[in-house]
């Protein structure tokens, strides 16, 4: 029993030494991180100082003009603005016109995901007239079109 007590005491002492070593390493890493974090915090992004209304107009002008409809996803979609930062996401979901031109293609993404994204776009477009370009088979197009709000479309 004394042997076991001595072994456990040695094990605890060894573990305490390892913990102390790791705590010292963490302190060193934090000391290295702090100046870099301070420099990072000092950077200013002028684009983030624009009023929301101007940023929103920039978003609208980024998209192609009617009759060209942006895809549901990708770099030519208004969803790109929602992935930059929280402020841009908040601004991008505001203007209904940003979400009123829609292009649907069967080969871009899975049908179920298209329907989910389409529902999101329709909710964001509010009561804006919609322009929807469907490049798909007749059966898929029919299924997608049933998801549209009756009376809210002007050009399909």
Protein backbone atom coordinates (compact mmCIF):
# COMPACT_ATOMS: atom_id res chain seq x y z
CA UNK A 1 0.00 0.00 0.00
CA UNK A 2 2.87 2.37 0.73
CA UNK A 3 4.27 1.67 -2.73
CA UNK A 4 0.95 2.62 -4.29
CA UNK A 5 0.77 5.80 -2.18
CA UNK A 6 4.26 6.81 -3.27
CA UNK A 7 3.46 6.09 -6.93
CA UNK A 8 0.25 8.13 -6.79
CA UNK A 9 2.05 11.02 -5.07
CA UNK A 10 4.74 10.97 -7.76
CA UNK A 11 2.08 10.85 -10.50
CA UNK A 12 0.23 13.84 -9.03
CA UNK A 13 3.49 15.79 -8.68
CA UNK A 14 4.38 15.00 -12.30
CA UNK A 15 0.93 16.06 -13.52
CA UNK A 16 1.13 19.29 -11.50
CA UNK A 17 4.49 20.05 -13.14
CA UNK A 18 3.00 19.42 -16.60
CA UNK A 19 0.01 21.66 -15.79
CA UNK A 20 2.36 24.43 -14.64
CA UNK A 21 4.40 24.07 -17.84
CA UNK A 22 1.25 24.27 -19.99
CA UNK A 23 -0.02 27.30 -18.06
CA UNK A 24 3.30 29.03 -18.72
CA UNK A 25 3.01 28.16 -22.41
CA UNK A 26 -0.51 29.58 -22.50
CA UNK A 27 0.69 32.79 -20.84
CA UNK A 28 3.46 33.11 -23.42
CA UNK A 29 1.03 32.56 -26.29
CA UNK A 30 -1.40 35.13 -24.88
CA UNK A 31 1.43 37.64 -24.59
CA UNK A 32 2.29 37.04 -28.25
CA UNK A 33 -1.35 37.27 -29.31
CA UNK A 34 -2.17 40.55 -27.54
CA UNK A 35 -0.17 42.93 -29.79
CA UNK A 36 -1.51 41.25 -32.93
CA UNK A 37 -5.07 41.48 -31.57
CA UNK A 38 -4.57 45.18 -30.75
CA UNK A 39 -3.35 45.84 -34.31
CA UNK A 40 -6.31 43.92 -35.70
CA UNK A 41 -8.73 45.91 -33.54
CA UNK A 42 -7.21 49.18 -34.79
CA UNK A 43 -8.04 48.49 -38.46
CA UNK A 44 -10.91 50.52 -39.81
CA UNK A 45 -13.05 49.49 -42.74
CA UNK A 46 -14.46 52.67 -44.34
CA UNK A 47 -17.10 50.70 -46.22
CA UNK A 48 -18.65 49.79 -42.87
CA UNK A 49 -19.11 53.48 -42.02
CA UNK A 50 -21.49 54.12 -44.94
CA UNK A 51 -25.13 54.69 -43.99
CA UNK A 52 -27.32 51.61 -44.42
CA UNK A 53 -29.34 53.30 -47.17
CA UNK A 54 -26.23 53.85 -49.33
CA UNK A 55 -24.94 50.34 -48.71
CA UNK A 56 -28.35 49.00 -49.69
CA UNK A 57 -28.26 50.99 -52.95
CA UNK A 58 -24.80 49.61 -53.71
CA UNK A 59 -26.19 46.11 -53.24
CA UNK A 60 -29.09 46.80 -55.62
CA UNK A 61 -26.74 48.23 -58.28
CA UNK A 62 -24.46 45.20 -57.98
CA UNK A 63 -27.14 42.96 -59.46
CA UNK A 64 -27.89 42.78 -63.16
CA UNK A 65 -30.78 44.85 -64.46
CA UNK A 66 -34.12 43.38 -65.45
CA UNK A 67 -34.73 41.10 -67.36
CA UNK A 68 -31.57 39.29 -66.22
CA UNK A 69 -32.35 37.42 -63.00
CA UNK A 70 -29.62 36.44 -60.53
CA UNK A 71 -29.21 32.81 -59.48
CA UNK A 72 -30.37 31.65 -56.05
CA UNK A 73 -26.77 31.11 -54.93
CA UNK A 74 -23.25 32.04 -55.96
CA UNK A 75 -21.27 35.21 -56.52
CA UNK A 76 -23.94 36.80 -58.72
CA UNK A 77 -26.67 36.25 -56.13
CA UNK A 78 -27.70 38.76 -53.46
CA UNK A 79 -27.02 35.99 -50.95
CA UNK A 80 -23.32 36.85 -51.33
CA UNK A 81 -23.94 40.00 -49.25
CA UNK A 82 -25.35 37.96 -46.38
CA UNK A 83 -22.07 36.09 -45.99
CA UNK A 84 -19.70 39.06 -45.55
CA UNK A 85 -20.55 40.19 -42.03
CA UNK A 86 -23.49 40.57 -39.70
CA UNK A 87 -24.07 44.22 -40.63
CA UNK A 88 -24.20 43.46 -44.35
CA UNK A 89 -26.53 40.52 -43.70
CA UNK A 90 -28.86 42.83 -41.77
CA UNK A 91 -28.79 45.41 -44.58
CA UNK A 92 -29.15 42.89 -47.42
CA UNK A 93 -32.33 41.28 -46.11
CA UNK A 94 -34.03 44.69 -45.98
CA UNK A 95 -34.67 45.91 -49.54
CA UNK A 96 -37.40 43.74 -51.14
CA UNK A 97 -36.22 44.71 -54.64
CA UNK A 98 -32.97 42.88 -54.01
CA UNK A 99 -34.92 39.61 -53.86
CA UNK A 100 -37.53 40.18 -56.59
CA UNK A 101 -35.54 38.83 -59.58
CA UNK A 102 -35.09 35.07 -59.40
CA UNK A 103 -33.47 32.53 -61.71
CA UNK A 104 -34.15 28.84 -61.06
CA UNK A 105 -32.17 26.03 -62.68
CA UNK A 106 -32.41 22.34 -61.88
CA UNK A 107 -28.74 21.64 -62.37
CA UNK A 108 -27.47 24.29 -59.96
CA UNK A 109 -28.62 22.84 -56.63
CA UNK A 110 -30.91 20.11 -55.33
CA UNK A 111 -34.64 20.68 -55.84
CA UNK A 112 -35.46 20.60 -52.10
CA UNK A 113 -32.81 23.22 -51.40
CA UNK A 114 -34.07 25.37 -54.29
CA UNK A 115 -37.56 25.30 -52.81
CA UNK A 116 -36.23 26.23 -49.37
CA UNK A 117 -34.17 29.12 -50.77
CA UNK A 118 -37.07 30.21 -52.99
CA UNK A 119 -39.34 30.43 -49.94
CA UNK A 120 -36.74 32.61 -48.23
CA UNK A 121 -36.44 34.89 -51.29
CA UNK A 122 -40.21 35.19 -51.56
CA UNK A 123 -40.49 36.21 -47.92
CA UNK A 124 -37.74 38.81 -48.41
CA UNK A 125 -39.31 40.19 -51.60
CA UNK A 126 -42.46 41.10 -49.61
CA UNK A 127 -45.05 42.49 -52.01
CA UNK A 128 -42.60 43.49 -54.77
CA UNK A 129 -43.49 42.34 -58.26
CA UNK A 130 -41.42 39.27 -59.12
CA UNK A 131 -39.54 38.32 -62.26
CA UNK A 132 -38.77 34.62 -62.30
CA UNK A 133 -36.70 32.81 -64.90
CA UNK A 134 -37.21 29.03 -64.76
CA UNK A 135 -34.69 26.95 -66.72
CA UNK A 136 -35.84 23.45 -65.92
CA UNK A 137 -37.94 20.52 -66.95
CA UNK A 138 -41.69 21.10 -67.13
CA UNK A 139 -42.43 18.90 -64.11
CA UNK A 140 -39.87 20.61 -61.87
CA UNK A 141 -40.92 24.03 -63.12
CA UNK A 142 -44.53 23.21 -62.30
CA UNK A 143 -43.59 22.10 -58.77
CA UNK A 144 -41.55 25.26 -58.23
CA UNK A 145 -44.25 27.54 -59.59
CA UNK A 146 -46.80 26.12 -57.15
CA UNK A 147 -44.63 27.57 -54.37
CA UNK A 148 -45.03 31.11 -55.66
CA UNK A 149 -47.39 33.57 -54.04
CA UNK A 150 -50.50 34.01 -56.15
CA UNK A 151 -50.85 37.56 -57.40
CA UNK A 152 -47.32 38.60 -56.51
CA UNK A 153 -45.78 37.79 -59.88
CA UNK A 154 -45.78 40.05 -62.89
CA UNK A 155 -43.35 38.21 -65.15
CA UNK A 156 -42.84 34.46 -65.17
